[in-house]
Amino acid sequence: MVPRCQVEVLYFAKSAEIAGIRSETISVPQEIKALQLWNEIETRHPGLADVRNQVIFAVRQEYVELGDQLLLLQSGDEIAVIPPISGG
């Protein structure tokens, strides 16, 4: 069994509107693929599926593609869900 850890998920702009919160602490496996981590977040906030292909996903302030990249997380790590920012 893979040990779990507590990570802080930060939601920005449209993702915060969809989730209805700006941040939350969730328990996830310490070893998890980026896409599996996204799926854990999306399970909590199904509306995020609408922006899945548009968001920037960051783990410990480093951008991560939603794919098979293995993440080694520790309690207290920050995960950011950042939708595209439009300007004029």
PDB file of N, CA and C in Angstrom:
ATOM      1  N   MET A   1       0.838  -1.180   0.000  1.00  0.00           N
ATOM      2  CA  MET A   1       0.000   0.000   0.000  1.00  0.00           C
ATOM      3  C   MET A   1       0.888   1.249   0.000  1.00  0.00           C
ATOM      4  N   VAL A   2       0.583   2.179  -0.891  1.00  0.00           N
ATOM      5  CA  VAL A   2       1.362   3.412  -1.007  1.00  0.00           C
ATOM      6  C   VAL A   2       0.935   4.372   0.101  1.00  0.00           C
ATOM      7  N   PRO A   3       1.910   4.950   0.817  1.00  0.00           N
ATOM      8  CA  PRO A   3       1.564   5.921   1.858  1.00  0.00           C
ATOM      9  C   PRO A   3       0.893   7.149   1.253  1.00  0.00           C
ATOM     10  N   ARG A   4       0.050   7.795   2.046  1.00  0.00           N
ATOM     11  CA  ARG A   4      -0.662   8.982   1.588  1.00  0.00           C
ATOM     12  C   ARG A   4      -0.093  10.222   2.249  1.00  0.00           C
ATOM     13  N   CYS A   5      -0.372  11.364   1.653  1.00  0.00           N
ATOM     14  CA  CYS A   5       0.071  12.631   2.220  1.00  0.00           C
ATOM     15  C   CYS A   5      -1.016  13.682   2.011  1.00  0.00           C
ATOM     16  N   GLN A   6      -0.909  14.758   2.754  1.00  0.00           N
ATOM     17  CA  GLN A   6      -1.849  15.869   2.659  1.00  0.00           C
ATOM     18  C   GLN A   6      -1.222  16.959   1.795  1.00  0.00           C
ATOM     19  N   VAL A   7      -1.899  17.328   0.698  1.00  0.00           N
ATOM     20  CA  VAL A   7      -1.409  18.397  -0.169  1.00  0.00           C
ATOM     21  C   VAL A   7      -2.448  19.513  -0.222  1.00  0.00           C
ATOM     22  N   GLU A   8      -1.976  20.709  -0.486  1.00  0.00           N
ATOM     23  CA  GLU A   8      -2.840  21.883  -0.588  1.00  0.00           C
ATOM     24  C   GLU A   8      -3.107  22.150  -2.063  1.00  0.00           C
ATOM     25  N   VAL A   9      -4.387  22.153  -2.447  1.00  0.00           N
ATOM     26  CA  VAL A   9      -4.770  22.446  -3.825  1.00  0.00           C
ATOM     27  C   VAL A   9      -5.264  23.884  -3.870  1.00  0.00           C
ATOM     28  N   LEU A  10      -4.655  24.679  -4.751  1.00  0.00           N
ATOM     29  CA  LEU A  10      -5.014  26.079  -4.907  1.00  0.00           C
ATOM     30  C   LEU A  10      -5.747  26.260  -6.227  1.00  0.00           C
ATOM     31  N   TYR A  11      -6.895  26.907  -6.166  1.00  0.00           N
ATOM     32  CA  TYR A  11      -7.710  27.140  -7.363  1.00  0.00           C
ATOM     33  C   TYR A  11      -7.681  28.624  -7.700  1.00  0.00           C
ATOM     34  N   PHE A  12      -7.483  28.934  -8.975  1.00  0.00           N
ATOM     35  CA  PHE A  12      -7.401  30.327  -9.412  1.00  0.00           C
ATOM     36  C   PHE A  12      -8.464  30.615 -10.466  1.00  0.00           C
ATOM     37  N   ALA A  13      -8.956  31.865 -10.455  1.00  0.00           N
ATOM     38  CA  ALA A  13      -9.883  32.390 -11.462  1.00  0.00           C
ATOM     39  C   ALA A  13     -11.053  31.431 -11.715  1.00  0.00           C
ATOM     40  N   LYS A  14     -11.219  31.002 -12.956  1.00  0.00           N
ATOM     41  CA  LYS A  14     -12.369  30.164 -13.342  1.00  0.00           C
ATOM     42  C   LYS A  14     -12.408  28.851 -12.556  1.00  0.00           C
ATOM     43  N   SER A  15     -11.251  28.265 -12.275  1.00  0.00           N
ATOM     44  CA  SER A  15     -11.254  27.004 -11.524  1.00  0.00           C
ATOM     45  C   SER A  15     -11.777  27.225 -10.105  1.00  0.00           C
ATOM     46  N   ALA A  16     -11.503  28.391  -9.513  1.00  0.00           N
ATOM     47  CA  ALA A  16     -12.020  28.708  -8.177  1.00  0.00           C
ATOM     48  C   ALA A  16     -13.540  28.890  -8.232  1.00  0.00           C
ATOM     49  N   GLU A  17     -14.025  29.515  -9.309  1.00  0.00           N
ATOM     50  CA  GLU A  17     -15.474  29.681  -9.477  1.00  0.00           C
ATOM     51  C   GLU A  17     -16.150  28.312  -9.566  1.00  0.00           C
ATOM     52  N   ILE A  18     -15.586  27.433 -10.356  1.00  0.00           N
ATOM     53  CA  ILE A  18     -16.171  26.103 -10.552  1.00  0.00           C
ATOM     54  C   ILE A  18     -16.137  25.296  -9.253  1.00  0.00           C
ATOM     55  N   ALA A  19     -14.981  25.299  -8.577  1.00  0.00           N
ATOM     56  CA  ALA A  19     -14.837  24.508  -7.348  1.00  0.00           C
ATOM     57  C   ALA A  19     -15.608  25.138  -6.181  1.00  0.00           C
ATOM     58  N   GLY A  20     -15.823  26.458  -6.260  1.00  0.00           N
ATOM     59  CA  GLY A  20     -16.529  27.143  -5.187  1.00  0.00           C
ATOM     60  C   GLY A  20     -15.641  27.445  -3.991  1.00  0.00           C
ATOM     61  N   ILE A  21     -14.342  27.213  -4.148  1.00  0.00           N
ATOM     62  CA  ILE A  21     -13.369  27.485  -3.080  1.00  0.00           C
ATOM     63  C   ILE A  21     -12.063  27.934  -3.728  1.00  0.00           C
ATOM     64  N   ARG A  22     -11.205  28.537  -2.920  1.00  0.00           N
ATOM     65  CA  ARG A  22      -9.895  28.970  -3.430  1.00  0.00           C
ATOM     66  C   ARG A  22      -8.796  27.977  -3.078  1.00  0.00           C
ATOM     67  N   SER A  23      -9.010  27.189  -2.036  1.00  0.00           N
ATOM     68  CA  SER A  23      -8.004  26.180  -1.669  1.00  0.00           C
ATOM     69  C   SER A  23      -8.640  25.119  -0.791  1.00  0.00           C
ATOM     70  N   GLU A  24      -7.991  23.967  -0.747  1.00  0.00           N
ATOM     71  CA  GLU A  24      -8.413  22.880   0.126  1.00  0.00           C
ATOM     72  C   GLU A  24      -7.243  21.929   0.306  1.00  0.00           C
ATOM     73  N   THR A  25      -7.291  21.186   1.398  1.00  0.00           N
ATOM     74  CA  THR A  25      -6.285  20.165   1.661  1.00  0.00           C
ATOM     75  C   THR A  25      -6.920  18.815   1.359  1.00  0.00           C
ATOM     76  N   ILE A  26      -6.213  18.010   0.560  1.00  0.00           N
ATOM     77  CA  ILE A  26      -6.723  16.682   0.224  1.00  0.00           C
ATOM     78  C   ILE A  26      -5.647  15.639   0.527  1.00  0.00           C
ATOM     79  N   SER A  27      -6.086  14.407   0.715  1.00  0.00           N
ATOM     80  CA  SER A  27      -5.187  13.292   0.956  1.00  0.00           C
ATOM     81  C   SER A  27      -5.045  12.495  -0.335  1.00  0.00           C
ATOM     82  N   VAL A  28      -3.798  12.317  -0.767  1.00  0.00           N
ATOM     83  CA  VAL A  28      -3.521  11.579  -2.002  1.00  0.00           C
ATOM     84  C   VAL A  28      -2.322  10.659  -1.775  1.00  0.00           C
ATOM     85  N   PRO A  29      -2.148   9.657  -2.629  1.00  0.00           N
ATOM     86  CA  PRO A  29      -0.958   8.810  -2.511  1.00  0.00           C
ATOM     87  C   PRO A  29       0.312   9.633  -2.728  1.00  0.00           C
ATOM     88  N   GLN A  30       1.373   9.294  -2.014  1.00  0.00           N
ATOM     89  CA  GLN A  30       2.644  10.011  -2.181  1.00  0.00           C
ATOM     90  C   GLN A  30       3.214   9.811  -3.575  1.00  0.00           C
ATOM     91  N   GLU A  31       2.988   8.656  -4.155  1.00  0.00           N
ATOM     92  CA  GLU A  31       3.413   8.383  -5.525  1.00  0.00           C
ATOM     93  C   GLU A  31       2.165   8.292  -6.378  1.00  0.00           C
ATOM     94  N   ILE A  32       2.024   9.249  -7.298  1.00  0.00           N
ATOM     95  CA  ILE A  32       0.826   9.309  -8.117  1.00  0.00           C
ATOM     96  C   ILE A  32       1.189   9.933  -9.460  1.00  0.00           C
ATOM     97  N   LYS A  33       0.573   9.465 -10.517  1.00  0.00           N
ATOM     98  CA  LYS A  33       0.806  10.060 -11.830  1.00  0.00           C
ATOM     99  C   LYS A  33       0.014  11.366 -11.920  1.00  0.00           C
ATOM    100  N   ALA A  34       0.533  12.286 -12.707  1.00  0.00           N
ATOM    101  CA  ALA A  34      -0.087  13.606 -12.815  1.00  0.00           C
ATOM    102  C   ALA A  34      -1.563  13.507 -13.194  1.00  0.00           C
ATOM    103  N   LEU A  35      -1.889  12.666 -14.154  1.00  0.00           N
ATOM    104  CA  LEU A  35      -3.284  12.537 -14.582  1.00  0.00           C
ATOM    105  C   LEU A  35      -4.153  11.943 -13.471  1.00  0.00           C
ATOM    106  N   GLN A  36      -3.615  11.012 -12.704  1.00  0.00           N
ATOM    107  CA  GLN A  36      -4.371  10.448 -11.579  1.00  0.00           C
ATOM    108  C   GLN A  36      -4.637  11.513 -10.516  1.00  0.00           C
ATOM    109  N   LEU A  37      -3.664  12.386 -10.291  1.00  0.00           N
ATOM    110  CA  LEU A  37      -3.851  13.472  -9.331  1.00  0.00           C
ATOM    111  C   LEU A  37      -4.956  14.397  -9.811  1.00  0.00           C
ATOM    112  N   TRP A  38      -4.921  14.745 -11.101  1.00  0.00           N
ATOM    113  CA  TRP A  38      -5.990  15.578 -11.657  1.00  0.00           C
ATOM    114  C   TRP A  38      -7.341  14.886 -11.476  1.00  0.00           C
ATOM    115  N   ASN A  39      -7.402  13.592 -11.732  1.00  0.00           N
ATOM    116  CA  ASN A  39      -8.660  12.854 -11.584  1.00  0.00           C
ATOM    117  C   ASN A  39      -9.164  12.891 -10.141  1.00  0.00           C
ATOM    118  N   GLU A  40      -8.259  12.836  -9.173  1.00  0.00           N
ATOM    119  CA  GLU A  40      -8.649  12.946  -7.757  1.00  0.00           C
ATOM    120  C   GLU A  40      -9.311  14.301  -7.509  1.00  0.00           C
ATOM    121  N   ILE A  41      -8.720  15.353  -8.075  1.00  0.00           N
ATOM    122  CA  ILE A  41      -9.265  16.706  -7.902  1.00  0.00           C
ATOM    123  C   ILE A  41     -10.606  16.831  -8.625  1.00  0.00           C
ATOM    124  N   GLU A  42     -10.661  16.299  -9.839  1.00  0.00           N
ATOM    125  CA  GLU A  42     -11.883  16.381 -10.637  1.00  0.00           C
ATOM    126  C   GLU A  42     -13.029  15.602  -9.986  1.00  0.00           C
ATOM    127  N   THR A  43     -12.721  14.513  -9.296  1.00  0.00           N
ATOM    128  CA  THR A  43     -13.747  13.737  -8.597  1.00  0.00           C
ATOM    129  C   THR A  43     -14.417  14.595  -7.525  1.00  0.00           C
ATOM    130  N   ARG A  44     -13.636  15.445  -6.868  1.00  0.00           N
ATOM    131  CA  ARG A  44     -14.173  16.336  -5.832  1.00  0.00           C
ATOM    132  C   ARG A  44     -14.984  17.477  -6.434  1.00  0.00           C
ATOM    133  N   HIS A  45     -14.599  17.902  -7.631  1.00  0.00           N
ATOM    134  CA  HIS A  45     -15.237  19.047  -8.295  1.00  0.00           C
ATOM    135  C   HIS A  45     -15.461  18.692  -9.769  1.00  0.00           C
ATOM    136  N   PRO A  46     -16.515  17.923 -10.075  1.00  0.00           N
ATOM    137  CA  PRO A  46     -16.739  17.434 -11.437  1.00  0.00           C
ATOM    138  C   PRO A  46     -16.795  18.524 -12.509  1.00  0.00           C
ATOM    139  N   GLY A  47     -17.198  19.725 -12.136  1.00  0.00           N
ATOM    140  CA  GLY A  47     -17.263  20.813 -13.105  1.00  0.00           C
ATOM    141  C   GLY A  47     -15.922  21.164 -13.712  1.00  0.00           C
ATOM    142  N   LEU A  48     -14.837  20.796 -13.040  1.00  0.00           N
ATOM    143  CA  LEU A  48     -13.502  21.086 -13.566  1.00  0.00           C
ATOM    144  C   LEU A  48     -13.217  20.322 -14.853  1.00  0.00           C
ATOM    145  N   ALA A  49     -14.003  19.295 -15.131  1.00  0.00           N
ATOM    146  CA  ALA A  49     -13.832  18.550 -16.388  1.00  0.00           C
ATOM    147  C   ALA A  49     -13.977  19.487 -17.585  1.00  0.00           C
ATOM    148  N   ASP A  50     -14.790  20.543 -17.431  1.00  0.00           N
ATOM    149  CA  ASP A  50     -15.011  21.491 -18.531  1.00  0.00           C
ATOM    150  C   ASP A  50     -13.760  22.284 -18.893  1.00  0.00           C
ATOM    151  N   VAL A  51     -12.828  22.440 -17.950  1.00  0.00           N
ATOM    152  CA  VAL A  51     -11.620  23.225 -18.222  1.00  0.00           C
ATOM    153  C   VAL A  51     -10.357  22.371 -18.253  1.00  0.00           C
ATOM    154  N   ARG A  52     -10.527  21.075 -18.181  1.00  0.00           N
ATOM    155  CA  ARG A  52      -9.386  20.145 -18.105  1.00  0.00           C
ATOM    156  C   ARG A  52      -8.330  20.405 -19.174  1.00  0.00           C
ATOM    157  N   ASN A  53      -8.748  20.622 -20.417  1.00  0.00           N
ATOM    158  CA  ASN A  53      -7.789  20.800 -21.505  1.00  0.00           C
ATOM    159  C   ASN A  53      -7.280  22.234 -21.620  1.00  0.00           C
ATOM    160  N   GLN A  54      -7.729  23.098 -20.722  1.00  0.00           N
ATOM    161  CA  GLN A  54      -7.331  24.498 -20.795  1.00  0.00           C
ATOM    162  C   GLN A  54      -6.463  24.929 -19.615  1.00  0.00           C
ATOM    163  N   VAL A  55      -6.465  24.158 -18.548  1.00  0.00           N
ATOM    164  CA  VAL A  55      -5.766  24.599 -17.341  1.00  0.00           C
ATOM    165  C   VAL A  55      -4.265  24.352 -17.419  1.00  0.00           C
ATOM    166  N   ILE A  56      -3.568  25.144 -16.632  1.00  0.00           N
ATOM    167  CA  ILE A  56      -2.159  24.898 -16.364  1.00  0.00           C
ATOM    168  C   ILE A  56      -2.138  24.249 -14.982  1.00  0.00           C
ATOM    169  N   PHE A  57      -1.447  23.150 -14.883  1.00  0.00           N
ATOM    170  CA  PHE A  57      -1.397  22.373 -13.658  1.00  0.00           C
ATOM    171  C   PHE A  57       0.030  22.489 -13.131  1.00  0.00           C
ATOM    172  N   ALA A  58       0.174  22.890 -11.890  1.00  0.00           N
ATOM    173  CA  ALA A  58       1.517  23.066 -11.330  1.00  0.00           C
ATOM    174  C   ALA A  58       1.635  22.322 -10.000  1.00  0.00           C
ATOM    175  N   VAL A  59       2.770  21.689  -9.802  1.00  0.00           N
ATOM    176  CA  VAL A  59       3.074  20.984  -8.558  1.00  0.00           C
ATOM    177  C   VAL A  59       4.367  21.592  -8.015  1.00  0.00           C
ATOM    178  N   ARG A  60       4.305  22.120  -6.806  1.00  0.00           N
ATOM    179  CA  ARG A  60       5.451  22.810  -6.201  1.00  0.00           C
ATOM    180  C   ARG A  60       5.997  23.893  -7.133  1.00  0.00           C
ATOM    181  N   GLN A  61       5.093  24.646  -7.721  1.00  0.00           N
ATOM    182  CA  GLN A  61       5.391  25.776  -8.600  1.00  0.00           C
ATOM    183  C   GLN A  61       6.120  25.383  -9.882  1.00  0.00           C
ATOM    184  N   GLU A  62       5.983  24.122 -10.290  1.00  0.00           N
ATOM    185  CA  GLU A  62       6.531  23.675 -11.565  1.00  0.00           C
ATOM    186  C   GLU A  62       5.398  23.129 -12.413  1.00  0.00           C
ATOM    187  N   TYR A  63       5.334  23.577 -13.671  1.00  0.00           N
ATOM    188  CA  TYR A  63       4.269  23.124 -14.555  1.00  0.00           C
ATOM    189  C   TYR A  63       4.394  21.629 -14.823  1.00  0.00           C
ATOM    190  N   VAL A  64       3.241  20.974 -14.868  1.00  0.00           N
ATOM    191  CA  VAL A  64       3.193  19.532 -15.076  1.00  0.00           C
ATOM    192  C   VAL A  64       2.136  19.239 -16.137  1.00  0.00           C
ATOM    193  N   GLU A  65       2.476  18.386 -17.098  1.00  0.00           N
ATOM    194  CA  GLU A  65       1.493  17.956 -18.083  1.00  0.00           C
ATOM    195  C   GLU A  65       0.599  16.895 -17.462  1.00  0.00           C
ATOM    196  N   LEU A  66      -0.665  16.906 -17.864  1.00  0.00           N
ATOM    197  CA  LEU A  66      -1.595  15.896 -17.358  1.00  0.00           C
ATOM    198  C   LEU A  66      -1.378  14.606 -18.132  1.00  0.00           C
ATOM    199  N   GLY A  67      -0.445  13.807 -17.641  1.00  0.00           N
ATOM    200  CA  GLY A  67      -0.105  12.565 -18.328  1.00  0.00           C
ATOM    201  C   GLY A  67       0.422  11.540 -17.358  1.00  0.00           C
ATOM    202  N   ASP A  68       1.352  10.717 -17.845  1.00  0.00           N
ATOM    203  CA  ASP A  68       1.873   9.593 -17.068  1.00  0.00           C
ATOM    204  C   ASP A  68       3.087   9.943 -16.205  1.00  0.00           C
ATOM    205  N   GLN A  69       3.426  11.229 -16.118  1.00  0.00           N
ATOM    206  CA  GLN A  69       4.564  11.630 -15.292  1.00  0.00           C
ATOM    207  C   GLN A  69       4.300  11.268 -13.833  1.00  0.00           C
ATOM    208  N   LEU A  70       5.234  10.526 -13.231  1.00  0.00           N
ATOM    209  CA  LEU A  70       5.094  10.120 -11.837  1.00  0.00           C
ATOM    210  C   LEU A  70       5.513  11.266 -10.925  1.00  0.00           C
ATOM    211  N   LEU A  71       4.643  11.607  -9.998  1.00  0.00           N
ATOM    212  CA  LEU A  71       4.924  12.657  -9.032  1.00  0.00           C
ATOM    213  C   LEU A  71       5.219  12.017  -7.684  1.00  0.00           C
ATOM    214  N   LEU A  72       6.222  12.513  -7.009  1.00  0.00           N
ATOM    215  CA  LEU A  72       6.549  12.060  -5.666  1.00  0.00           C
ATOM    216  C   LEU A  72       6.197  13.206  -4.728  1.00  0.00           C
ATOM    217  N   LEU A  73       5.062  13.101  -4.078  1.00  0.00           N
ATOM    218  CA  LEU A  73       4.532  14.183  -3.258  1.00  0.00           C
ATOM    219  C   LEU A  73       4.890  14.009  -1.794  1.00  0.00           C
ATOM    220  N   GLN A  74       4.916  15.131  -1.090  1.00  0.00           N
ATOM    221  CA  GLN A  74       5.127  15.139   0.349  1.00  0.00           C
ATOM    222  C   GLN A  74       4.038  15.998   0.971  1.00  0.00           C
ATOM    223  N   SER A  75       3.705  15.717   2.216  1.00  0.00           N
ATOM    224  CA  SER A  75       2.711  16.528   2.900  1.00  0.00           C
ATOM    225  C   SER A  75       3.132  17.991   2.854  1.00  0.00           C
ATOM    226  N   GLY A  76       2.153  18.841   2.557  1.00  0.00           N
ATOM    227  CA  GLY A  76       2.404  20.273   2.484  1.00  0.00           C
ATOM    228  C   GLY A  76       2.691  20.782   1.089  1.00  0.00           C
ATOM    229  N   ASP A  77       2.883  19.878   0.112  1.00  0.00           N
ATOM    230  CA  ASP A  77       3.118  20.328  -1.255  1.00  0.00           C
ATOM    231  C   ASP A  77       1.911  21.100  -1.764  1.00  0.00           C
ATOM    232  N   GLU A  78       2.169  22.084  -2.633  1.00  0.00           N
ATOM    233  CA  GLU A  78       1.093  22.862  -3.238  1.00  0.00           C
ATOM    234  C   GLU A  78       0.858  22.428  -4.661  1.00  0.00           C
ATOM    235  N   ILE A  79      -0.415  22.252  -4.979  1.00  0.00           N
ATOM    236  CA  ILE A  79      -0.853  21.917  -6.315  1.00  0.00           C
ATOM    237  C   ILE A  79      -1.701  23.094  -6.790  1.00  0.00           C
ATOM    238  N   ALA A  80      -1.395  23.667  -7.948  1.00  0.00           N
ATOM    239  CA  ALA A  80      -2.152  24.812  -8.442  1.00  0.00           C
ATOM    240  C   ALA A  80      -2.919  24.441  -9.697  1.00  0.00           C
ATOM    241  N   VAL A  81      -4.171  24.892  -9.760  1.00  0.00           N
ATOM    242  CA  VAL A  81      -5.019  24.703 -10.928  1.00  0.00           C
ATOM    243  C   VAL A  81      -5.259  26.117 -11.493  1.00  0.00           C
ATOM    244  N   ILE A  82      -4.590  26.410 -12.613  1.00  0.00           N
ATOM    245  CA  ILE A  82      -4.609  27.761 -13.166  1.00  0.00           C
ATOM    246  C   ILE A  82      -5.221  27.729 -14.562  1.00  0.00           C
ATOM    247  N   PRO A  83      -6.402  28.327 -14.719  1.00  0.00           N
ATOM    248  CA  PRO A  83      -6.992  28.372 -16.057  1.00  0.00           C
ATOM    249  C   PRO A  83      -6.285  29.418 -16.912  1.00  0.00           C
ATOM    250  N   PRO A  84      -6.502  29.371 -18.238  1.00  0.00           N
ATOM    251  CA  PRO A  84      -5.861  30.374 -19.084  1.00  0.00           C
ATOM    252  C   PRO A  84      -6.344  31.769 -18.707  1.00  0.00           C
ATOM    253  N   ILE A  85      -5.453  32.719 -18.829  1.00  0.00           N
ATOM    254  CA  ILE A  85      -5.789  34.094 -18.504  1.00  0.00           C
ATOM    255  C   ILE A  85      -5.880  34.865 -19.812  1.00  0.00           C
ATOM    256  N   SER A  86      -7.041  35.478 -20.023  1.00  0.00           N
ATOM    257  CA  SER A  86      -7.209  36.238 -21.263  1.00  0.00           C
ATOM    258  C   SER A  86      -7.022  37.713 -20.959  1.00  0.00           C
ATOM    259  N   GLY A  87      -6.493  38.393 -21.906  1.00  0.00           N
ATOM    260  CA  GLY A  87      -6.280  39.828 -21.748  1.00  0.00           C
ATOM    261  C   GLY A  87      -6.790  40.566 -22.959  1.00  0.00           C
ATOM    262  N   GLY A  88      -6.759  41.861 -22.862  1.00  0.00           N
ATOM    263  CA  GLY A  88      -7.280  42.617 -23.997  1.00  0.00           C
ATOM    264  C   GLY A  88      -6.442  43.790 -24.329  1.00  0.00           C
TER     265      GLY A  88
END
